[in-house]
């Protein structure tokens, strides 16, 4: 092996070079090149690896669990202890919620009324969680034994052993799989899980390759008490679940659907009003249920505003950031009066928007605040209509709608917005890696041709006939 030293190089070039300034310049150039090479090498080592969404799936509940307004009315009347005015109140909330006639409530909820048994809840979990995971593993072509990280979340049903243990047992995963079960995180839990799984894949990139996220909402009971803030949940929440497979392997980019670009999360729980705006509690009669405060929309708006302040510098073009900076300078530095808050044009940063389908007011409120068009909020509104408020899984049913409509093209950017108890707001930014098309296992496959719906829910013929019959059932003078 030949070793080149500075002295040997100088000797080979001759003394005329040694005596000139070229020698010093040459060594400076070599030192600079070596420094740059070292810097690039260290940068490559420190750079976090990209995380890809290999595939995702959304659970499709059995057809016999589709629950119409008429079914809900017969259930509430059959209990025999709910006043007519409260049944009428819930029917009105249902009509204004934006939910259609096909969202799913398990039969056990409509026959037993109060809290379900562990067996009934486990049966729901098997249909929703196990079904979604089995589907996504088959779609991704990945064996359960290749999963290194498993993150499971469920808002209400949190048994022992946990649902993460249920999946490890059912799919016979490896004994060293890292499992996490997130409880009580509300409707933003799926995106929180996405951020957790992404961070773990980036930190443990040499020891973990694949992560699996399973999200669900197992409805354990319908509220049969007398407090109206707790009755609203009967009209909004429906059964659903989804699963996502992530990878940090560069080789998987070719077959992945999307890349996770950003996950930004804010927590407003230090404010008492935000902390209690959505909570599980018992009423005066000891009946448990989820309570939704009338301040929910305002709290959600405040949380989203804080979230946007963190997200905007990462996604908005420089022109929009300069406009926002000048607006802040006018208000805070120059103290100009009458300066309206500046709302950036987020359509310059995103092609698609997945707004948490918490209800018509939430979707339209966020859409109005971000200055989105009817086309932009259509997927969220249609997901609410077909599947209801599916809690943490809602943003993935919206994404599936976009895929079924073949809206997602290579290079498109998707903004997912999750809003949940706590109160929390979580944003996820995904970049589409290839043109996506509707597949037979898409939950919209058999019904997407009927959407978007143009009519108001209350104007549809079947609903109109039910509404017309309401006075016959109830003493409306007491409402």
Protein backbone atom coordinates (compact mmCIF):
# COMPACT_ATOMS: atom_id res chain seq x y z
CA UNK A 1 0.00 0.00 0.00
CA UNK A 2 1.34 3.41 -0.95
CA UNK A 3 0.95 6.19 1.58
CA UNK A 4 0.93 9.71 0.21
CA UNK A 5 2.24 12.35 2.57
CA UNK A 6 2.48 16.08 2.18
CA UNK A 7 6.29 15.84 1.96
CA UNK A 8 6.27 13.22 -0.82
CA UNK A 9 3.73 15.21 -2.83
CA UNK A 10 5.81 18.38 -2.52
CA UNK A 11 8.99 16.54 -3.52
CA UNK A 12 7.35 15.10 -6.62
CA UNK A 13 6.19 18.54 -7.79
CA UNK A 14 9.53 20.23 -7.45
CA UNK A 15 10.95 23.06 -5.44
CA UNK A 16 9.52 25.72 -7.70
CA UNK A 17 6.03 24.81 -6.52
CA UNK A 18 7.13 24.67 -2.91
CA UNK A 19 8.43 28.15 -3.05
CA UNK A 20 5.31 29.54 -4.68
CA UNK A 21 1.99 30.42 -3.13
CA UNK A 22 0.33 27.59 -5.05
CA UNK A 23 1.32 25.12 -2.35
CA UNK A 24 -0.59 27.01 0.32
CA UNK A 25 -3.63 27.38 -1.94
CA UNK A 26 -3.60 23.69 -2.78
CA UNK A 27 -3.52 22.63 0.85
CA UNK A 28 -6.30 25.08 1.65
CA UNK A 29 -8.40 23.57 -1.13
CA UNK A 30 -7.72 20.02 0.08
CA UNK A 31 -8.59 20.98 3.66
CA UNK A 32 -11.82 22.63 2.53
CA UNK A 33 -12.84 19.58 0.49
CA UNK A 34 -12.13 17.25 3.41
CA UNK A 35 -14.14 19.48 5.75
CA UNK A 36 -17.07 19.53 3.35
CA UNK A 37 -16.95 15.76 2.95
CA UNK A 38 -16.91 15.32 6.73
CA UNK A 39 -19.81 17.78 7.13
CA UNK A 40 -21.92 15.98 4.52
CA UNK A 41 -21.14 12.63 6.13
CA UNK A 42 -22.17 13.85 9.58
CA UNK A 43 -25.28 15.47 8.09
CA UNK A 44 -26.25 12.19 6.48
CA UNK A 45 -25.81 10.38 9.79
CA UNK A 46 -27.87 12.91 11.76
CA UNK A 47 -30.64 13.31 9.18
CA UNK A 48 -33.79 11.53 10.23
CA UNK A 49 -34.92 8.83 7.82
CA UNK A 50 -38.12 9.30 5.86
CA UNK A 51 -41.18 7.41 7.10
CA UNK A 52 -43.60 6.01 4.53
CA UNK A 53 -47.23 4.93 4.70
CA UNK A 54 -47.04 1.56 2.96
CA UNK A 55 -50.81 1.19 3.08
CA UNK A 56 -53.84 1.80 5.28
CA UNK A 57 -57.27 0.24 5.71
CA UNK A 58 -60.64 1.27 7.13
CA UNK A 59 -62.95 -1.24 8.77
CA UNK A 60 -66.29 -1.93 7.11
CA UNK A 61 -68.88 -2.92 9.70
CA UNK A 62 -71.60 -5.47 8.85
CA UNK A 63 -74.60 -4.15 6.94
CA UNK A 64 -76.99 -5.16 9.72
CA UNK A 65 -75.40 -2.52 11.97
CA UNK A 66 -76.53 0.40 9.78
CA UNK A 67 -78.68 2.58 12.02
CA UNK A 68 -81.25 5.02 10.68
CA UNK A 69 -83.08 7.76 12.54
CA UNK A 70 -86.17 5.56 12.64
CA UNK A 71 -84.19 2.74 14.28
CA UNK A 72 -82.84 5.14 16.90
CA UNK A 73 -86.34 6.43 17.65
CA UNK A 74 -87.73 2.92 18.20
CA UNK A 75 -84.79 2.09 20.46
CA UNK A 76 -85.25 5.19 22.62
CA UNK A 77 -89.02 4.72 22.84
CA UNK A 78 -88.59 1.05 23.69
CA UNK A 79 -86.61 1.90 26.82
CA UNK A 80 -89.77 3.36 28.32
CA UNK A 81 -88.02 5.77 30.71
CA UNK A 82 -87.00 8.61 28.37
CA UNK A 83 -89.41 11.57 28.15
CA UNK A 84 -90.85 12.41 24.75
CA UNK A 85 -89.22 15.84 24.75
CA UNK A 86 -85.76 14.26 25.14
CA UNK A 87 -86.40 11.83 22.29
CA UNK A 88 -87.54 14.72 20.13
CA UNK A 89 -84.42 16.68 21.10
CA UNK A 90 -82.16 13.82 20.01
CA UNK A 91 -84.02 13.45 16.72
CA UNK A 92 -83.48 17.14 15.98
CA UNK A 93 -79.77 16.85 16.79
CA UNK A 94 -79.55 13.83 14.49
CA UNK A 95 -81.13 15.77 11.63
CA UNK A 96 -78.79 18.73 12.06
CA UNK A 97 -75.65 16.65 12.60
CA UNK A 98 -75.01 15.81 8.95
CA UNK A 99 -75.06 12.04 9.60
CA UNK A 100 -76.98 9.86 7.15
CA UNK A 101 -78.97 6.66 7.45
CA UNK A 102 -76.14 4.15 7.06
CA UNK A 103 -73.69 4.89 9.88
CA UNK A 104 -73.01 1.87 12.10
CA UNK A 105 -74.06 1.08 15.67
CA UNK A 106 -73.59 -2.54 16.82
CA UNK A 107 -76.81 -4.44 17.42
CA UNK A 108 -75.85 -5.13 21.03
CA UNK A 109 -75.98 -1.41 21.79
CA UNK A 110 -79.54 -1.17 20.48
CA UNK A 111 -80.77 -4.20 22.41
CA UNK A 112 -79.07 -3.84 25.79
CA UNK A 113 -79.02 -0.06 26.21
CA UNK A 114 -76.75 0.20 29.25
CA UNK A 115 -73.09 -0.80 29.41
CA UNK A 116 -72.23 -3.84 27.36
CA UNK A 117 -70.56 -6.95 28.70
CA UNK A 118 -66.86 -7.58 28.16
CA UNK A 119 -67.80 -10.26 25.63
CA UNK A 120 -69.88 -7.82 23.57
CA UNK A 121 -67.09 -5.22 23.63
CA UNK A 122 -64.48 -7.81 22.63
CA UNK A 123 -66.72 -8.88 19.75
CA UNK A 124 -66.81 -5.30 18.51
CA UNK A 125 -63.04 -5.02 18.84
CA UNK A 126 -62.53 -8.21 16.82
CA UNK A 127 -64.72 -6.95 14.00
CA UNK A 128 -63.20 -3.46 13.93
CA UNK A 129 -59.58 -3.72 15.10
CA UNK A 130 -58.64 -7.24 14.07
CA UNK A 131 -60.48 -6.86 10.76
CA UNK A 132 -58.72 -3.61 9.87
CA UNK A 133 -55.28 -4.96 10.82
CA UNK A 134 -55.78 -8.19 8.90
CA UNK A 135 -56.81 -6.21 5.83
CA UNK A 136 -53.87 -3.77 5.92
CA UNK A 137 -51.28 -6.51 6.42
CA UNK A 138 -52.62 -8.32 3.37
CA UNK A 139 -52.69 -5.11 1.33
CA UNK A 140 -49.13 -4.26 2.33
CA UNK A 141 -47.92 -7.83 1.82
CA UNK A 142 -46.22 -7.86 5.24
CA UNK A 143 -46.13 -10.76 7.68
CA UNK A 144 -47.21 -9.93 11.27
CA UNK A 145 -43.82 -11.21 12.44
CA UNK A 146 -42.09 -8.35 10.62
CA UNK A 147 -43.84 -5.73 12.75
CA UNK A 148 -41.37 -4.09 15.15
CA UNK A 149 -43.63 -1.42 16.69
CA UNK A 150 -47.35 -1.70 17.47
CA UNK A 151 -49.39 1.32 18.58
CA UNK A 152 -53.07 0.77 19.44
CA UNK A 153 -55.59 3.36 20.58
CA UNK A 154 -59.21 3.21 21.64
CA UNK A 155 -61.16 5.94 23.34
CA UNK A 156 -63.49 4.02 25.66
CA UNK A 157 -62.75 0.29 25.69
CA UNK A 158 -59.46 -0.35 27.46
CA UNK A 159 -59.44 -3.91 28.83
CA UNK A 160 -56.77 -5.93 30.59
CA UNK A 161 -54.91 -7.48 28.79
CA UNK A 162 -54.83 -4.48 26.45
CA UNK A 163 -55.96 -4.40 22.82
CA UNK A 164 -52.30 -4.34 21.81
CA UNK A 165 -51.88 -7.68 23.59
CA UNK A 166 -55.00 -8.92 21.80
CA UNK A 167 -53.40 -8.18 18.42
CA UNK A 168 -50.05 -9.74 19.40
CA UNK A 169 -51.88 -12.88 20.47
CA UNK A 170 -54.19 -13.06 17.46
CA UNK A 171 -51.49 -12.47 14.82
CA UNK A 172 -48.73 -14.31 16.73
CA UNK A 173 -46.27 -11.42 16.55
CA UNK A 174 -42.69 -11.66 17.80
CA UNK A 175 -41.98 -11.59 21.52
CA UNK A 176 -39.74 -8.51 21.16
CA UNK A 177 -42.35 -6.33 19.38
CA UNK A 178 -42.63 -2.92 21.07
CA UNK A 179 -46.30 -2.38 21.99
CA UNK A 180 -48.14 0.76 23.11
CA UNK A 181 -51.79 1.20 24.06
CA UNK A 182 -53.05 4.81 24.13
CA UNK A 183 -56.24 5.37 26.12
CA UNK A 184 -58.51 8.36 26.62
CA UNK A 185 -56.91 10.42 23.82
CA UNK A 186 -60.19 11.12 22.07
CA UNK A 187 -60.73 11.85 18.41
CA UNK A 188 -57.14 12.90 17.70
CA UNK A 189 -55.67 9.60 18.95
CA UNK A 190 -54.96 8.16 15.51
CA UNK A 191 -52.78 11.11 14.47
CA UNK A 192 -51.09 11.11 17.88
CA UNK A 193 -50.30 7.43 17.28
CA UNK A 194 -48.98 8.32 13.83
CA UNK A 195 -46.59 10.84 15.38
CA UNK A 196 -45.46 8.36 18.04
CA UNK A 197 -44.83 5.57 15.53
CA UNK A 198 -42.98 7.93 13.17
CA UNK A 199 -40.72 9.20 15.96
CA UNK A 200 -39.91 5.66 17.09
CA UNK A 201 -39.05 4.57 13.56
CA UNK A 202 -36.74 7.55 13.17
CA UNK A 203 -35.00 7.11 16.53
CA UNK A 204 -34.64 3.32 16.30
CA UNK A 205 -33.99 3.18 12.56
CA UNK A 206 -31.36 0.45 12.90
CA UNK A 207 -33.51 -1.76 15.14
CA UNK A 208 -37.04 -1.16 13.84
CA UNK A 209 -38.28 -1.20 10.26
CA UNK A 210 -42.06 -1.57 10.33
CA UNK A 211 -44.69 -0.01 12.58
CA UNK A 212 -48.39 -0.86 12.77
CA UNK A 213 -51.06 1.56 14.03
CA UNK A 214 -54.55 0.33 14.93
CA UNK A 215 -57.26 2.83 15.86
CA UNK A 216 -60.85 2.20 16.88
CA UNK A 217 -63.88 3.41 18.77
CA UNK A 218 -65.78 0.64 20.53
CA UNK A 219 -69.17 1.97 21.59
CA UNK A 220 -69.86 0.46 25.00
CA UNK A 221 -73.23 2.08 25.67
CA UNK A 222 -75.78 4.59 24.46
CA UNK A 223 -76.66 7.25 27.00
CA UNK A 224 -80.14 6.72 28.46
CA UNK A 225 -80.12 9.49 31.06
CA UNK A 226 -81.69 12.95 31.15
CA UNK A 227 -78.79 15.41 30.63
CA UNK A 228 -78.87 16.86 27.13
CA UNK A 229 -75.11 17.57 26.75
CA UNK A 230 -74.67 13.80 27.17
CA UNK A 231 -77.52 12.89 24.79
CA UNK A 232 -75.69 14.48 21.86
CA UNK A 233 -73.19 11.62 21.71
CA UNK A 234 -76.01 9.20 20.81
CA UNK A 235 -76.60 11.24 17.67
CA UNK A 236 -72.96 11.66 16.60
CA UNK A 237 -70.63 8.78 17.46
CA UNK A 238 -70.60 5.61 15.40
CA UNK A 239 -68.54 2.43 15.34
CA UNK A 240 -65.41 2.28 13.13
CA UNK A 241 -61.68 1.59 13.03
CA UNK A 242 -58.60 1.71 10.83
CA UNK A 243 -55.04 0.43 10.56
CA UNK A 244 -51.85 1.87 9.04
CA UNK A 245 -48.50 0.24 8.19
CA UNK A 246 -45.42 2.49 8.30
CA UNK A 247 -41.85 1.84 7.17
CA UNK A 248 -38.52 3.66 7.40
CA UNK A 249 -36.86 1.49 4.73
CA UNK A 250 -35.76 3.47 1.69
CA UNK A 251 -36.52 0.45 -0.47
CA UNK A 252 -40.21 0.69 0.45
CA UNK A 253 -40.65 4.13 -1.09
CA UNK A 254 -41.42 2.60 -4.49
CA UNK A 255 -44.44 0.70 -3.21
CA UNK A 256 -45.58 3.11 -0.49
CA UNK A 257 -48.67 5.25 -0.99
CA UNK A 258 -47.55 8.30 0.98
CA UNK A 259 -44.77 9.83 3.03
CA UNK A 260 -45.30 11.31 6.49
CA UNK A 261 -43.90 14.84 6.25
CA UNK A 262 -44.98 16.50 9.52
CA UNK A 263 -46.97 15.73 12.66
CA UNK A 264 -47.73 18.74 14.89
CA UNK A 265 -49.62 18.42 18.14
CA UNK A 266 -50.85 20.98 20.68
CA UNK A 267 -52.51 20.36 24.04
CA UNK A 268 -54.81 22.95 25.63
CA UNK A 269 -55.46 21.01 28.86
CA UNK A 270 -53.95 23.72 31.07
CA UNK A 271 -57.12 25.73 30.46
CA UNK A 272 -59.99 24.45 32.61
CA UNK A 273 -62.61 25.21 29.97
CA UNK A 274 -60.73 23.24 27.31
CA UNK A 275 -59.99 20.40 29.71
CA UNK A 276 -63.64 19.77 30.53
CA UNK A 277 -65.22 20.51 27.15
CA UNK A 278 -65.35 16.77 26.30
CA UNK A 279 -65.34 14.29 29.17
CA UNK A 280 -66.71 11.00 30.40
CA UNK A 281 -68.70 11.45 33.59
CA UNK A 282 -71.75 10.32 35.53
CA UNK A 283 -74.95 12.32 35.67
CA UNK A 284 -76.98 12.94 38.82
CA UNK A 285 -78.54 9.48 38.55
CA UNK A 286 -75.16 7.77 38.22
CA UNK A 287 -75.57 7.02 34.50
CA UNK A 288 -72.25 7.30 32.68
CA UNK A 289 -71.80 8.98 29.32
CA UNK A 290 -69.71 11.39 27.29
CA UNK A 291 -70.57 15.04 27.82
CA UNK A 292 -70.06 17.62 25.04
CA UNK A 293 -70.01 21.24 26.16
CA UNK A 294 -71.67 23.96 24.05
CA UNK A 295 -68.22 25.63 24.01
CA UNK A 296 -66.77 22.76 21.98
CA UNK A 297 -66.64 24.59 18.65
CA UNK A 298 -64.92 27.65 20.17
CA UNK A 299 -62.37 25.53 22.05
CA UNK A 300 -61.67 23.53 18.89
CA UNK A 301 -61.15 26.77 16.96
CA UNK A 302 -58.69 28.07 19.55
CA UNK A 303 -56.75 24.79 19.56
CA UNK A 304 -56.57 24.74 15.76
CA UNK A 305 -55.30 28.34 15.75
CA UNK A 306 -52.43 27.42 18.08
CA UNK A 307 -51.69 24.33 15.98
CA UNK A 308 -51.58 26.37 12.78
CA UNK A 309 -49.03 28.77 14.30
CA UNK A 310 -46.67 25.81 14.75
CA UNK A 311 -47.44 24.17 11.41
CA UNK A 312 -47.50 27.21 9.11
CA UNK A 313 -43.74 27.97 9.06
CA UNK A 314 -43.07 24.39 7.96
CA UNK A 315 -45.50 24.26 5.04
CA UNK A 316 -46.42 27.73 3.77
CA UNK A 317 -44.50 29.42 0.94
CA UNK A 318 -42.35 32.44 1.78
CA UNK A 319 -44.83 34.89 0.26
CA UNK A 320 -47.59 33.84 2.67
CA UNK A 321 -45.22 33.92 5.64
CA UNK A 322 -44.16 37.47 4.75
CA UNK A 323 -47.81 38.56 4.56
CA UNK A 324 -48.50 36.98 7.94
CA UNK A 325 -45.40 38.65 9.42
CA UNK A 326 -46.43 42.07 8.12
CA UNK A 327 -49.92 41.59 9.53
CA UNK A 328 -48.48 40.79 12.97
CA UNK A 329 -46.12 43.77 12.77
CA UNK A 330 -49.02 46.12 12.01
CA UNK A 331 -51.04 44.87 14.97
CA UNK A 332 -48.33 44.27 17.59
CA UNK A 333 -45.53 46.69 16.68
CA UNK A 334 -47.15 49.59 14.83
CA UNK A 335 -50.32 49.28 16.95
CA UNK A 336 -52.60 50.01 14.01
CA UNK A 337 -56.29 49.83 14.77
CA UNK A 338 -58.80 47.97 12.65
CA UNK A 339 -56.26 45.53 11.19
CA UNK A 340 -58.02 42.23 10.49
CA UNK A 341 -56.22 38.94 11.30
CA UNK A 342 -54.49 37.53 8.25
CA UNK A 343 -55.56 34.05 7.13
CA UNK A 344 -52.90 32.47 4.89
CA UNK A 345 -53.95 30.72 1.71
CA UNK A 346 -53.39 27.12 2.73
CA UNK A 347 -54.31 25.95 -0.76
CA UNK A 348 -50.78 27.01 -1.72
CA UNK A 349 -49.46 24.41 0.73
CA UNK A 350 -52.03 21.62 0.39
CA UNK A 351 -54.16 20.11 -2.34
CA UNK A 352 -56.44 18.13 0.00
CA UNK A 353 -57.92 18.63 3.49
CA UNK A 354 -59.12 15.96 5.95
CA UNK A 355 -61.10 17.81 8.62
CA UNK A 356 -62.14 15.71 11.61
CA UNK A 357 -65.79 14.75 10.94
CA UNK A 358 -66.99 15.66 14.42
CA UNK A 359 -70.20 17.17 13.11
CA UNK A 360 -71.51 19.53 10.48
CA UNK A 361 -70.72 22.60 12.62
CA UNK A 362 -67.10 21.50 13.10
CA UNK A 363 -66.50 20.84 9.40
CA UNK A 364 -68.16 24.02 8.20
CA UNK A 365 -66.52 26.09 10.95
CA UNK A 366 -63.02 24.91 10.11
CA UNK A 367 -63.70 25.26 6.40
CA UNK A 368 -64.89 28.83 6.85
CA UNK A 369 -61.94 29.72 9.06
CA UNK A 370 -59.43 28.38 6.52
CA UNK A 371 -61.38 29.87 3.58
CA UNK A 372 -61.89 26.49 1.94
CA UNK A 373 -64.36 25.81 -0.88
CA UNK A 374 -67.25 23.34 -0.87
CA UNK A 375 -65.05 21.03 -2.95
CA UNK A 376 -62.35 21.12 -0.25
CA UNK A 377 -64.68 20.16 2.61
CA UNK A 378 -66.74 17.71 0.55
CA UNK A 379 -64.74 14.58 1.57
CA UNK A 380 -65.11 15.40 5.26
CA UNK A 381 -68.84 16.10 4.95
CA UNK A 382 -69.45 12.90 2.97
CA UNK A 383 -67.46 10.80 5.47
CA UNK A 384 -69.63 12.26 8.24
CA UNK A 385 -72.78 11.44 6.27
CA UNK A 386 -71.86 7.85 5.43
CA UNK A 387 -69.99 6.74 8.56
CA UNK A 388 -70.80 9.36 11.22
CA UNK A 389 -68.36 10.70 13.76
CA UNK A 390 -65.96 7.75 13.80
CA UNK A 391 -63.74 9.38 16.40
CA UNK A 392 -60.00 8.98 15.74
CA UNK A 393 -60.51 6.97 12.52
CA UNK A 394 -62.47 9.72 10.78
CA UNK A 395 -59.54 11.33 8.94
CA UNK A 396 -58.68 7.97 7.33
CA UNK A 397 -62.23 7.43 6.06
CA UNK A 398 -61.93 10.88 4.49
CA UNK A 399 -58.63 9.89 2.88
CA UNK A 400 -60.27 6.70 1.59
CA UNK A 401 -63.03 8.83 0.01
CA UNK A 402 -60.42 10.89 -1.84
CA UNK A 403 -58.76 7.70 -3.02
CA UNK A 404 -62.09 6.24 -4.16
CA UNK A 405 -62.80 9.45 -6.12
CA UNK A 406 -59.26 9.20 -7.59
CA UNK A 407 -58.39 12.67 -6.38
CA UNK A 408 -54.99 11.73 -4.96
CA UNK A 409 -52.22 12.26 -7.52
CA UNK A 410 -48.47 11.93 -7.23
CA UNK A 411 -46.96 14.89 -5.43
CA UNK A 412 -50.21 16.03 -3.80
CA UNK A 413 -50.07 17.16 -0.17
CA UNK A 414 -52.76 16.19 2.34
CA UNK A 415 -53.49 17.98 5.61
CA UNK A 416 -55.18 15.79 8.23
CA UNK A 417 -56.70 17.63 11.20
CA UNK A 418 -57.63 15.72 14.35
CA UNK A 419 -59.54 17.32 17.23
CA UNK A 420 -60.02 15.46 20.49
CA UNK A 421 -60.66 15.59 24.21
CA UNK A 422 -58.09 17.15 26.46
CA UNK A 423 -58.43 19.41 24.48
CA UNK A 424 -55.96 18.47 21.72
CA UNK A 425 -55.44 19.37 18.09
CA UNK A 426 -53.10 17.29 15.95
CA UNK A 427 -52.08 17.94 12.35
CA UNK A 428 -50.45 15.43 10.01
CA UNK A 429 -49.06 16.30 6.59
CA UNK A 430 -48.81 13.49 4.04
CA UNK A 431 -47.28 13.62 0.57
CA UNK A 432 -48.75 11.28 -2.06
CA UNK A 433 -46.06 9.21 -3.79
CA UNK A 434 -48.11 7.83 -6.69
CA UNK A 435 -51.51 8.16 -8.34
CA UNK A 436 -54.06 6.27 -6.24
CA UNK A 437 -57.17 4.47 -7.46
CA UNK A 438 -60.24 2.91 -5.87
CA UNK A 439 -59.66 -0.67 -4.72
CA UNK A 440 -62.27 -3.35 -3.90
CA UNK A 441 -61.33 -3.26 -0.19
CA UNK A 442 -61.93 0.48 0.02
CA UNK A 443 -64.89 1.12 2.40
CA UNK A 444 -66.39 3.43 -0.26
CA UNK A 445 -66.11 0.92 -3.09
CA UNK A 446 -69.80 -0.04 -3.18
CA UNK A 447 -71.29 3.40 -2.54
CA UNK A 448 -68.93 6.11 -3.80
CA UNK A 449 -70.99 6.46 -6.98
CA UNK A 450 -73.78 7.95 -4.85
CA UNK A 451 -71.57 10.74 -3.55
CA UNK A 452 -71.34 13.67 -3.18
CA UNK A 453 -74.88 14.23 -1.98
CA UNK A 454 -76.29 17.59 -2.90
CA UNK A 455 -79.45 17.57 -0.83
CA UNK A 456 -79.74 18.46 2.80
CA UNK A 457 -80.37 15.39 4.99
CA UNK A 458 -83.72 16.78 6.17
CA UNK A 459 -84.93 17.14 2.56
CA UNK A 460 -84.40 13.51 1.57
CA UNK A 461 -87.76 11.71 1.03
CA UNK A 462 -87.32 8.98 3.65
CA UNK A 463 -86.11 11.40 6.32
CA UNK A 464 -88.88 13.85 5.48
CA UNK A 465 -91.51 11.16 6.12
CA UNK A 466 -89.97 10.33 9.50
CA UNK A 467 -89.86 14.00 10.47
CA UNK A 468 -93.48 14.45 9.42
CA UNK A 469 -94.48 11.64 11.77
CA UNK A 470 -92.63 13.01 14.80
CA UNK A 471 -95.60 14.99 16.19
CA UNK A 472 -97.63 11.76 16.18
CA UNK A 473 -95.09 10.12 18.45
CA UNK A 474 -94.29 12.95 20.82
CA UNK A 475 -95.96 15.66 22.79
CA UNK A 476 -94.05 18.48 21.07
CA UNK A 477 -95.54 21.05 23.41
CA UNK A 478 -93.23 19.78 26.12
CA UNK A 479 -90.06 20.12 24.02
